[in-house]
């Protein structure tokens, strides 16, 4: 497996005045991958197979802009932000027969692209000495496109596209019980699109699985953060996550892993963490996590 990757990014923070800030970011990268897979030769020759050698060239880039401002509100203040993100990826993907390490005939030839645009706003409100809150909203649209150039009598044109969109809220409240103890509760929605790896194959036939749906989830968390004594900190959190259309493996055989959407899933658990600085030389960090994960 041969991989090379380069990436560069730039972030600019500018204070407009005493209460307002502007942040801009941009990044770009390039990745080359040549990977010989240990797939039996007979499995590579099927009309729907993509061979045993992956030759991939990928370019990706993204930009973001965020405006933040602090304004008085009641006894405290609100830090309000609004932003826009846009990201793109293009990849040139080829697959070849792997004959004991020797590159053979072409089995896959396609140009893939995906772009994502997100618009968001968030307000962090320091209500008073006892309470603070956060509320946010993010709207996203993600579009995948496959342009298939490997067209034969047994492998039709599998070009196509799929788009996913969601608007997800988040809401949180914190009770400051004392200078050293906070009790908080958060609830929010999640949105996870499939990846090009997950849409690469269909269960029957050639081409990408553009019918795969995005997973959507609801997250709830209750927690406590406290400083027990000087140098001693305890964090505790209870969480529950309910998901619909979770993306899971349907089958994996002959180098082809096919994904599908499950029904409802749920995860519940508890996390405990204790950190202590006993002496200048000795520090401990102890964590315990439990998880109950089920298909409903």
C-alpha atoms as a PDB file:
ATOM      1  CA  UNK A   1       0.000   0.000   0.000  1.00  0.00           C
ATOM      2  CA  UNK A   2       1.515   3.298  -1.112  1.00  0.00           C
ATOM      3  CA  UNK A   3       0.045   6.553   0.188  1.00  0.00           C
ATOM      4  CA  UNK A   4       1.116  10.157  -0.172  1.00  0.00           C
ATOM      5  CA  UNK A   5      -0.754  13.151   1.191  1.00  0.00           C
ATOM      6  CA  UNK A   6      -0.228  16.897   1.422  1.00  0.00           C
ATOM      7  CA  UNK A   7      -2.423  19.455   3.131  1.00  0.00           C
ATOM      8  CA  UNK A   8      -2.240  23.147   3.919  1.00  0.00           C
ATOM      9  CA  UNK A   9      -4.600  25.470   5.743  1.00  0.00           C
ATOM     10  CA  UNK A  10      -4.900  29.046   6.900  1.00  0.00           C
ATOM     11  CA  UNK A  11      -7.042  30.581   9.652  1.00  0.00           C
ATOM     12  CA  UNK A  12      -7.514  34.331  10.032  1.00  0.00           C
ATOM     13  CA  UNK A  13      -9.015  35.841  13.198  1.00  0.00           C
ATOM     14  CA  UNK A  14      -9.854  39.540  13.140  1.00  0.00           C
ATOM     15  CA  UNK A  15     -11.344  41.601  15.969  1.00  0.00           C
ATOM     16  CA  UNK A  16     -13.693  44.167  14.429  1.00  0.00           C
ATOM     17  CA  UNK A  17     -14.245  46.023  17.714  1.00  0.00           C
ATOM     18  CA  UNK A  18     -14.420  45.305  21.433  1.00  0.00           C
ATOM     19  CA  UNK A  19     -17.448  43.010  21.019  1.00  0.00           C
ATOM     20  CA  UNK A  20     -17.248  41.591  17.473  1.00  0.00           C
ATOM     21  CA  UNK A  21     -14.925  39.096  15.772  1.00  0.00           C
ATOM     22  CA  UNK A  22     -14.595  37.656  12.286  1.00  0.00           C
ATOM     23  CA  UNK A  23     -12.937  34.318  11.523  1.00  0.00           C
ATOM     24  CA  UNK A  24     -12.109  33.013   8.051  1.00  0.00           C
ATOM     25  CA  UNK A  25     -10.471  29.692   7.189  1.00  0.00           C
ATOM     26  CA  UNK A  26      -9.411  27.853   4.068  1.00  0.00           C
ATOM     27  CA  UNK A  27      -7.666  24.540   3.477  1.00  0.00           C
ATOM     28  CA  UNK A  28      -6.775  22.247   0.595  1.00  0.00           C
ATOM     29  CA  UNK A  29      -5.176  18.855   0.250  1.00  0.00           C
ATOM     30  CA  UNK A  30      -4.277  16.067  -2.140  1.00  0.00           C
ATOM     31  CA  UNK A  31      -4.030  12.308  -1.552  1.00  0.00           C
ATOM     32  CA  UNK A  32      -2.701   9.506  -3.764  1.00  0.00           C
ATOM     33  CA  UNK A  33      -3.368   5.866  -2.909  1.00  0.00           C
ATOM     34  CA  UNK A  34      -2.197   2.682  -4.632  1.00  0.00           C
ATOM     35  CA  UNK A  35      -3.394  -0.358  -2.696  1.00  0.00           C
ATOM     36  CA  UNK A  36      -2.997  -4.064  -3.551  1.00  0.00           C
ATOM     37  CA  UNK A  37      -5.786  -6.047  -1.865  1.00  0.00           C
ATOM     38  CA  UNK A  38      -5.536  -9.747  -1.008  1.00  0.00           C
ATOM     39  CA  UNK A  39      -8.658 -10.785  -2.916  1.00  0.00           C
ATOM     40  CA  UNK A  40      -8.764 -14.205  -4.663  1.00  0.00           C
ATOM     41  CA  UNK A  41      -8.363 -13.899  -8.407  1.00  0.00           C
ATOM     42  CA  UNK A  42     -11.658 -15.680  -9.182  1.00  0.00           C
ATOM     43  CA  UNK A  43     -13.578 -13.072  -7.133  1.00  0.00           C
ATOM     44  CA  UNK A  44     -12.018 -10.222  -9.119  1.00  0.00           C
ATOM     45  CA  UNK A  45     -13.169 -11.409 -12.528  1.00  0.00           C
ATOM     46  CA  UNK A  46     -16.930 -11.204 -11.870  1.00  0.00           C
ATOM     47  CA  UNK A  47     -18.690  -8.535 -13.973  1.00  0.00           C
ATOM     48  CA  UNK A  48     -19.617  -6.561 -10.846  1.00  0.00           C
ATOM     49  CA  UNK A  49     -16.155  -6.799  -9.231  1.00  0.00           C
ATOM     50  CA  UNK A  50     -13.755  -3.850  -9.107  1.00  0.00           C
ATOM     51  CA  UNK A  51     -10.539  -5.848  -9.154  1.00  0.00           C
ATOM     52  CA  UNK A  52      -7.914  -6.205  -6.452  1.00  0.00           C
ATOM     53  CA  UNK A  53      -5.851  -3.031  -6.967  1.00  0.00           C
ATOM     54  CA  UNK A  54      -7.172   0.405  -5.997  1.00  0.00           C
ATOM     55  CA  UNK A  55      -5.596   3.411  -7.728  1.00  0.00           C
ATOM     56  CA  UNK A  56      -7.007   6.630  -6.293  1.00  0.00           C
ATOM     57  CA  UNK A  57      -6.180  10.324  -6.760  1.00  0.00           C
ATOM     58  CA  UNK A  58      -8.125  12.714  -4.525  1.00  0.00           C
ATOM     59  CA  UNK A  59      -8.272  16.494  -4.201  1.00  0.00           C
ATOM     60  CA  UNK A  60     -10.207  18.225  -1.422  1.00  0.00           C
ATOM     61  CA  UNK A  61     -10.686  21.769  -0.182  1.00  0.00           C
ATOM     62  CA  UNK A  62     -12.877  23.818   2.099  1.00  0.00           C
ATOM     63  CA  UNK A  63     -13.626  27.360   3.246  1.00  0.00           C
ATOM     64  CA  UNK A  64     -15.461  28.779   6.241  1.00  0.00           C
ATOM     65  CA  UNK A  65     -16.558  32.157   7.547  1.00  0.00           C
ATOM     66  CA  UNK A  66     -17.890  32.975  11.037  1.00  0.00           C
ATOM     67  CA  UNK A  67     -19.060  36.231  12.602  1.00  0.00           C
ATOM     68  CA  UNK A  68     -19.388  36.505  16.402  1.00  0.00           C
ATOM     69  CA  UNK A  69     -20.656  39.305  18.588  1.00  0.00           C
ATOM     70  CA  UNK A  70     -21.282  39.809  22.309  1.00  0.00           C
ATOM     71  CA  UNK A  71     -24.375  41.759  23.374  1.00  0.00           C
ATOM     72  CA  UNK A  72     -25.775  42.539  26.849  1.00  0.00           C
ATOM     73  CA  UNK A  73     -28.827  40.494  27.904  1.00  0.00           C
ATOM     74  CA  UNK A  74     -30.456  40.869  31.320  1.00  0.00           C
ATOM     75  CA  UNK A  75     -27.884  40.379  34.055  1.00  0.00           C
ATOM     76  CA  UNK A  76     -25.416  38.758  31.678  1.00  0.00           C
ATOM     77  CA  UNK A  77     -24.496  38.703  28.010  1.00  0.00           C
ATOM     78  CA  UNK A  78     -25.042  36.639  24.864  1.00  0.00           C
ATOM     79  CA  UNK A  79     -22.250  35.595  22.521  1.00  0.00           C
ATOM     80  CA  UNK A  80     -24.002  35.139  19.164  1.00  0.00           C
ATOM     81  CA  UNK A  81     -22.350  33.516  16.145  1.00  0.00           C
ATOM     82  CA  UNK A  82     -23.383  32.868  12.559  1.00  0.00           C
ATOM     83  CA  UNK A  83     -21.292  31.008  10.014  1.00  0.00           C
ATOM     84  CA  UNK A  84     -21.056  29.331   6.648  1.00  0.00           C
ATOM     85  CA  UNK A  85     -18.967  26.278   5.641  1.00  0.00           C
ATOM     86  CA  UNK A  86     -18.400  24.856   2.171  1.00  0.00           C
ATOM     87  CA  UNK A  87     -16.287  21.782   1.402  1.00  0.00           C
ATOM     88  CA  UNK A  88     -15.597  19.754  -1.744  1.00  0.00           C
ATOM     89  CA  UNK A  89     -13.827  16.540  -2.668  1.00  0.00           C
ATOM     90  CA  UNK A  90     -13.049  15.098  -6.103  1.00  0.00           C
ATOM     91  CA  UNK A  91     -11.477  11.714  -6.686  1.00  0.00           C
ATOM     92  CA  UNK A  92     -10.373   9.798  -9.743  1.00  0.00           C
ATOM     93  CA  UNK A  93     -10.799   6.096  -8.859  1.00  0.00           C
ATOM     94  CA  UNK A  94      -9.470   3.171 -10.881  1.00  0.00           C
ATOM     95  CA  UNK A  95      -9.579  -0.546 -10.117  1.00  0.00           C
ATOM     96  CA  UNK A  96      -7.425  -3.251 -11.710  1.00  0.00           C
ATOM     97  CA  UNK A  97      -7.041  -7.003 -11.559  1.00  0.00           C
ATOM     98  CA  UNK A  98      -4.450  -8.016  -8.938  1.00  0.00           C
ATOM     99  CA  UNK A  99      -2.686 -11.104 -10.283  1.00  0.00           C
ATOM    100  CA  UNK A 100      -0.334 -12.024  -7.418  1.00  0.00           C
ATOM    101  CA  UNK A 101       0.817  -8.421  -7.148  1.00  0.00           C
ATOM    102  CA  UNK A 102       0.932  -7.748 -10.895  1.00  0.00           C
ATOM    103  CA  UNK A 103      -1.482  -5.127 -12.207  1.00  0.00           C
ATOM    104  CA  UNK A 104      -3.874  -6.563 -14.760  1.00  0.00           C
ATOM    105  CA  UNK A 105      -6.821  -5.308 -16.792  1.00  0.00           C
ATOM    106  CA  UNK A 106      -8.997  -2.340 -15.845  1.00  0.00           C
ATOM    107  CA  UNK A 107     -12.111  -3.204 -13.793  1.00  0.00           C
ATOM    108  CA  UNK A 108     -13.259   0.195 -12.509  1.00  0.00           C
ATOM    109  CA  UNK A 109     -13.026   3.719 -13.916  1.00  0.00           C
ATOM    110  CA  UNK A 110     -15.013   6.543 -12.371  1.00  0.00           C
ATOM    111  CA  UNK A 111     -14.841  10.156 -11.253  1.00  0.00           C
ATOM    112  CA  UNK A 112     -16.455  10.835  -7.874  1.00  0.00           C
ATOM    113  CA  UNK A 113     -17.299  14.162  -6.299  1.00  0.00           C
ATOM    114  CA  UNK A 114     -19.026  15.337  -3.149  1.00  0.00           C
ATOM    115  CA  UNK A 115     -19.717  18.823  -1.862  1.00  0.00           C
ATOM    116  CA  UNK A 116     -21.195  19.974   1.426  1.00  0.00           C
ATOM    117  CA  UNK A 117     -22.646  23.350   2.406  1.00  0.00           C
ATOM    118  CA  UNK A 118     -23.596  24.218   5.965  1.00  0.00           C
ATOM    119  CA  UNK A 119     -25.141  27.328   7.498  1.00  0.00           C
ATOM    120  CA  UNK A 120     -25.274  27.634  11.280  1.00  0.00           C
ATOM    121  CA  UNK A 121     -26.031  29.988  14.145  1.00  0.00           C
ATOM    122  CA  UNK A 122     -25.413  29.640  17.876  1.00  0.00           C
ATOM    123  CA  UNK A 123     -26.084  31.714  20.978  1.00  0.00           C
ATOM    124  CA  UNK A 124     -24.207  31.238  24.268  1.00  0.00           C
ATOM    125  CA  UNK A 125     -26.041  33.089  27.040  1.00  0.00           C
ATOM    126  CA  UNK A 126     -24.424  33.812  30.401  1.00  0.00           C
ATOM    127  CA  UNK A 127     -27.773  34.471  32.109  1.00  0.00           C
ATOM    128  CA  UNK A 128     -26.457  35.302  35.587  1.00  0.00           C
ATOM    129  CA  UNK A 129     -24.079  33.867  38.178  1.00  0.00           C
ATOM    130  CA  UNK A 130     -26.290  30.789  38.620  1.00  0.00           C
ATOM    131  CA  UNK A 131     -27.349  29.887  35.061  1.00  0.00           C
ATOM    132  CA  UNK A 132     -26.040  29.762  31.502  1.00  0.00           C
ATOM    133  CA  UNK A 133     -27.542  28.338  28.313  1.00  0.00           C
ATOM    134  CA  UNK A 134     -26.674  27.525  24.720  1.00  0.00           C
ATOM    135  CA  UNK A 135     -28.903  27.159  21.650  1.00  0.00           C
ATOM    136  CA  UNK A 136     -27.906  26.464  18.069  1.00  0.00           C
ATOM    137  CA  UNK A 137     -29.185  25.460  14.661  1.00  0.00           C
ATOM    138  CA  UNK A 138     -27.319  24.063  11.651  1.00  0.00           C
ATOM    139  CA  UNK A 139     -28.632  23.378   8.147  1.00  0.00           C
ATOM    140  CA  UNK A 140     -26.583  21.089   5.889  1.00  0.00           C
ATOM    141  CA  UNK A 141     -26.836  19.808   2.340  1.00  0.00           C
ATOM    142  CA  UNK A 142     -24.445  17.142   1.012  1.00  0.00           C
ATOM    143  CA  UNK A 143     -24.441  15.923  -2.599  1.00  0.00           C
ATOM    144  CA  UNK A 144     -22.586  12.893  -3.992  1.00  0.00           C
ATOM    145  CA  UNK A 145     -22.040  12.295  -7.703  1.00  0.00           C
ATOM    146  CA  UNK A 146     -20.522   9.339  -9.575  1.00  0.00           C
ATOM    147  CA  UNK A 147     -19.525   9.587 -13.259  1.00  0.00           C
ATOM    148  CA  UNK A 148     -18.891   6.066 -14.522  1.00  0.00           C
ATOM    149  CA  UNK A 149     -16.535   5.571 -17.490  1.00  0.00           C
ATOM    150  CA  UNK A 150     -16.217   1.768 -17.238  1.00  0.00           C
ATOM    151  CA  UNK A 151     -19.031   0.667 -19.530  1.00  0.00           C
ATOM    152  CA  UNK A 152     -19.076  -2.803 -21.087  1.00  0.00           C
ATOM    153  CA  UNK A 153     -21.776  -5.221 -22.322  1.00  0.00           C
ATOM    154  CA  UNK A 154     -21.832  -6.793 -18.831  1.00  0.00           C
ATOM    155  CA  UNK A 155     -21.265  -3.567 -16.857  1.00  0.00           C
ATOM    156  CA  UNK A 156     -23.706  -0.748 -17.690  1.00  0.00           C
ATOM    157  CA  UNK A 157     -23.306   2.977 -17.090  1.00  0.00           C
ATOM    158  CA  UNK A 158     -23.672   3.349 -13.324  1.00  0.00           C
ATOM    159  CA  UNK A 159     -23.456   7.148 -13.160  1.00  0.00           C
ATOM    160  CA  UNK A 160     -25.760   8.867 -10.706  1.00  0.00           C
ATOM    161  CA  UNK A 161     -26.100  11.233  -7.790  1.00  0.00           C
ATOM    162  CA  UNK A 162     -27.656  11.451  -4.343  1.00  0.00           C
ATOM    163  CA  UNK A 163     -28.323  14.411  -2.055  1.00  0.00           C
ATOM    164  CA  UNK A 164     -28.878  14.569   1.696  1.00  0.00           C
ATOM    165  CA  UNK A 165     -30.078  17.502   3.785  1.00  0.00           C
ATOM    166  CA  UNK A 166     -30.992  18.147   7.402  1.00  0.00           C
ATOM    167  CA  UNK A 167     -31.547  20.968   9.851  1.00  0.00           C
ATOM    168  CA  UNK A 168     -30.375  20.042  13.345  1.00  0.00           C
ATOM    169  CA  UNK A 169     -30.933  21.946  16.609  1.00  0.00           C
ATOM    170  CA  UNK A 170     -29.033  21.823  19.902  1.00  0.00           C
ATOM    171  CA  UNK A 171     -30.095  23.147  23.299  1.00  0.00           C
ATOM    172  CA  UNK A 172     -28.264  23.126  26.601  1.00  0.00           C
ATOM    173  CA  UNK A 173     -28.634  24.537  30.110  1.00  0.00           C
ATOM    174  CA  UNK A 174     -26.067  24.727  32.930  1.00  0.00           C
ATOM    175  CA  UNK A 175     -26.694  25.331  36.637  1.00  0.00           C
ATOM    176  CA  UNK A 176     -23.665  26.751  38.414  1.00  0.00           C
ATOM    177  CA  UNK A 177     -24.184  25.273  41.870  1.00  0.00           C
ATOM    178  CA  UNK A 178     -21.011  26.848  43.198  1.00  0.00           C
ATOM    179  CA  UNK A 179     -17.696  28.222  42.025  1.00  0.00           C
ATOM    180  CA  UNK A 180     -16.437  24.646  41.639  1.00  0.00           C
ATOM    181  CA  UNK A 181     -19.542  22.657  40.573  1.00  0.00           C
ATOM    182  CA  UNK A 182     -21.672  22.718  37.430  1.00  0.00           C
ATOM    183  CA  UNK A 183     -24.743  20.616  36.620  1.00  0.00           C
ATOM    184  CA  UNK A 184     -25.757  20.549  32.950  1.00  0.00           C
ATOM    185  CA  UNK A 185     -28.218  19.056  30.468  1.00  0.00           C
ATOM    186  CA  UNK A 186     -27.909  18.990  26.662  1.00  0.00           C
ATOM    187  CA  UNK A 187     -30.143  17.708  23.862  1.00  0.00           C
ATOM    188  CA  UNK A 188     -29.465  17.787  20.136  1.00  0.00           C
ATOM    189  CA  UNK A 189     -30.030  16.167  16.781  1.00  0.00           C
ATOM    190  CA  UNK A 190     -27.387  14.442  14.614  1.00  0.00           C
ATOM    191  CA  UNK A 191     -27.039  13.774  10.889  1.00  0.00           C
ATOM    192  CA  UNK A 192     -24.527  11.338   9.301  1.00  0.00           C
ATOM    193  CA  UNK A 193     -24.399  10.802   5.554  1.00  0.00           C
ATOM    194  CA  UNK A 194     -22.878   7.678   4.014  1.00  0.00           C
ATOM    195  CA  UNK A 195     -19.349   7.903   2.632  1.00  0.00           C
ATOM    196  CA  UNK A 196     -18.062   6.923  -0.809  1.00  0.00           C
ATOM    197  CA  UNK A 197     -16.712   3.732   0.766  1.00  0.00           C
ATOM    198  CA  UNK A 198     -20.185   2.865   2.060  1.00  0.00           C
ATOM    199  CA  UNK A 199     -22.017   3.598  -1.212  1.00  0.00           C
ATOM    200  CA  UNK A 200     -19.375   1.861  -3.358  1.00  0.00           C
ATOM    201  CA  UNK A 201     -21.338  -1.382  -3.995  1.00  0.00           C
ATOM    202  CA  UNK A 202     -24.893  -2.603  -4.318  1.00  0.00           C
ATOM    203  CA  UNK A 203     -26.042  -5.998  -3.073  1.00  0.00           C
ATOM    204  CA  UNK A 204     -26.957  -7.201  -6.573  1.00  0.00           C
ATOM    205  CA  UNK A 205     -25.416  -5.771  -9.715  1.00  0.00           C
ATOM    206  CA  UNK A 206     -22.810  -3.146 -10.432  1.00  0.00           C
ATOM    207  CA  UNK A 207     -22.564   0.509  -9.522  1.00  0.00           C
ATOM    208  CA  UNK A 208     -22.878   2.536  -6.340  1.00  0.00           C
ATOM    209  CA  UNK A 209     -25.607   2.170  -3.742  1.00  0.00           C
ATOM    210  CA  UNK A 210     -27.163   5.624  -4.146  1.00  0.00           C
ATOM    211  CA  UNK A 211     -30.308   4.499  -2.288  1.00  0.00           C
ATOM    212  CA  UNK A 212     -28.457   4.393   1.036  1.00  0.00           C
ATOM    213  CA  UNK A 213     -30.038   6.883   3.436  1.00  0.00           C
ATOM    214  CA  UNK A 214     -28.395   9.188   5.960  1.00  0.00           C
ATOM    215  CA  UNK A 215     -28.545   8.214   9.637  1.00  0.00           C
ATOM    216  CA  UNK A 216     -30.377  10.610  11.960  1.00  0.00           C
ATOM    217  CA  UNK A 217     -30.026  10.651  15.722  1.00  0.00           C
ATOM    218  CA  UNK A 218     -31.186  12.351  18.905  1.00  0.00           C
ATOM    219  CA  UNK A 219     -28.679  12.840  21.733  1.00  0.00           C
ATOM    220  CA  UNK A 220     -29.461  13.568  25.401  1.00  0.00           C
ATOM    221  CA  UNK A 221     -26.825  14.078  28.108  1.00  0.00           C
ATOM    222  CA  UNK A 222     -26.993  14.923  31.817  1.00  0.00           C
ATOM    223  CA  UNK A 223     -23.779  15.649  33.632  1.00  0.00           C
ATOM    224  CA  UNK A 224     -21.928  16.974  36.638  1.00  0.00           C
ATOM    225  CA  UNK A 225     -18.484  18.605  36.712  1.00  0.00           C
ATOM    226  CA  UNK A 226     -16.970  19.409  40.074  1.00  0.00           C
ATOM    227  CA  UNK A 227     -13.692  20.181  41.762  1.00  0.00           C
ATOM    228  CA  UNK A 228     -13.738  18.044  44.914  1.00  0.00           C
ATOM    229  CA  UNK A 229     -10.645  19.678  46.385  1.00  0.00           C
ATOM    230  CA  UNK A 230      -7.547  21.443  45.182  1.00  0.00           C
ATOM    231  CA  UNK A 231      -6.144  19.320  42.361  1.00  0.00           C
ATOM    232  CA  UNK A 232      -9.064  16.833  42.405  1.00  0.00           C
ATOM    233  CA  UNK A 233     -11.702  16.897  39.641  1.00  0.00           C
ATOM    234  CA  UNK A 234     -14.701  14.604  39.061  1.00  0.00           C
ATOM    235  CA  UNK A 235     -16.795  14.450  35.869  1.00  0.00           C
ATOM    236  CA  UNK A 236     -19.935  12.312  35.547  1.00  0.00           C
ATOM    237  CA  UNK A 237     -22.290  12.017  32.577  1.00  0.00           C
ATOM    238  CA  UNK A 238     -25.380   9.984  31.680  1.00  0.00           C
ATOM    239  CA  UNK A 239     -26.227   9.801  27.973  1.00  0.00           C
ATOM    240  CA  UNK A 240     -28.787   8.318  25.614  1.00  0.00           C
ATOM    241  CA  UNK A 241     -28.606   8.241  21.795  1.00  0.00           C
ATOM    242  CA  UNK A 242     -31.467   7.071  19.609  1.00  0.00           C
ATOM    243  CA  UNK A 243     -30.745   6.584  15.888  1.00  0.00           C
ATOM    244  CA  UNK A 244     -32.834   5.758  12.833  1.00  0.00           C
ATOM    245  CA  UNK A 245     -31.409   4.436   9.541  1.00  0.00           C
ATOM    246  CA  UNK A 246     -28.028   3.631  11.089  1.00  0.00           C
ATOM    247  CA  UNK A 247     -25.537   2.603   8.387  1.00  0.00           C
ATOM    248  CA  UNK A 248     -24.341  -0.977   8.979  1.00  0.00           C
ATOM    249  CA  UNK A 249     -22.629  -3.763   7.024  1.00  0.00           C
ATOM    250  CA  UNK A 250     -25.064  -5.971   5.102  1.00  0.00           C
ATOM    251  CA  UNK A 251     -22.469  -8.355   3.633  1.00  0.00           C
ATOM    252  CA  UNK A 252     -18.730  -8.605   3.002  1.00  0.00           C
ATOM    253  CA  UNK A 253     -17.369 -11.106   0.504  1.00  0.00           C
ATOM    254  CA  UNK A 254     -14.809 -11.205  -2.300  1.00  0.00           C
ATOM    255  CA  UNK A 255     -13.544  -7.696  -1.579  1.00  0.00           C
ATOM    256  CA  UNK A 256     -17.072  -6.205  -1.749  1.00  0.00           C
ATOM    257  CA  UNK A 257     -18.520  -4.760   1.448  1.00  0.00           C
ATOM    258  CA  UNK A 258     -22.151  -3.762   1.012  1.00  0.00           C
ATOM    259  CA  UNK A 259     -23.824  -1.423   3.500  1.00  0.00           C
ATOM    260  CA  UNK A 260     -27.495  -0.962   4.347  1.00  0.00           C
ATOM    261  CA  UNK A 261     -29.697   1.009   6.708  1.00  0.00           C
ATOM    262  CA  UNK A 262     -30.753  -0.630   9.961  1.00  0.00           C
ATOM    263  CA  UNK A 263     -33.969   0.200  11.781  1.00  0.00           C
ATOM    264  CA  UNK A 264     -33.830   1.944  15.133  1.00  0.00           C
ATOM    265  CA  UNK A 265     -30.808   1.649  17.420  1.00  0.00           C
ATOM    266  CA  UNK A 266     -30.161   3.046  20.869  1.00  0.00           C
ATOM    267  CA  UNK A 267     -27.154   3.550  23.115  1.00  0.00           C
ATOM    268  CA  UNK A 268     -27.264   4.420  26.792  1.00  0.00           C
ATOM    269  CA  UNK A 269     -24.443   4.704  29.237  1.00  0.00           C
ATOM    270  CA  UNK A 270     -22.570   6.312  32.074  1.00  0.00           C
ATOM    271  CA  UNK A 271     -19.111   7.906  32.056  1.00  0.00           C
ATOM    272  CA  UNK A 272     -17.098   8.728  35.192  1.00  0.00           C
ATOM    273  CA  UNK A 273     -13.694  10.404  35.283  1.00  0.00           C
ATOM    274  CA  UNK A 274     -11.535  11.361  38.258  1.00  0.00           C
ATOM    275  CA  UNK A 275      -8.306  13.338  37.908  1.00  0.00           C
ATOM    276  CA  UNK A 276      -6.033  14.097  40.829  1.00  0.00           C
ATOM    277  CA  UNK A 277      -2.704  15.841  41.378  1.00  0.00           C
ATOM    278  CA  UNK A 278      -1.455  14.153  44.559  1.00  0.00           C
ATOM    279  CA  UNK A 279       2.036  15.635  44.663  1.00  0.00           C
ATOM    280  CA  UNK A 280       4.116  17.679  42.224  1.00  0.00           C
ATOM    281  CA  UNK A 281       5.508  14.355  40.936  1.00  0.00           C
ATOM    282  CA  UNK A 282       2.396  12.149  40.958  1.00  0.00           C
ATOM    283  CA  UNK A 283      -0.885  12.510  39.079  1.00  0.00           C
ATOM    284  CA  UNK A 284      -3.665   9.968  38.445  1.00  0.00           C
ATOM    285  CA  UNK A 285      -6.440   9.791  35.891  1.00  0.00           C
ATOM    286  CA  UNK A 286      -9.134   7.120  36.325  1.00  0.00           C
ATOM    287  CA  UNK A 287     -12.071   6.592  33.944  1.00  0.00           C
ATOM    288  CA  UNK A 288     -15.026   4.224  33.880  1.00  0.00           C
ATOM    289  CA  UNK A 289     -17.528   3.909  31.026  1.00  0.00           C
ATOM    290  CA  UNK A 290     -20.544   1.661  30.606  1.00  0.00           C
ATOM    291  CA  UNK A 291     -22.501   1.202  27.371  1.00  0.00           C
ATOM    292  CA  UNK A 292     -25.729  -0.594  26.530  1.00  0.00           C
ATOM    293  CA  UNK A 293     -26.132  -0.647  22.726  1.00  0.00           C
ATOM    294  CA  UNK A 294     -29.127  -2.339  21.115  1.00  0.00           C
ATOM    295  CA  UNK A 295     -31.027  -2.746  17.874  1.00  0.00           C
ATOM    296  CA  UNK A 296     -34.629  -1.864  18.636  1.00  0.00           C
END
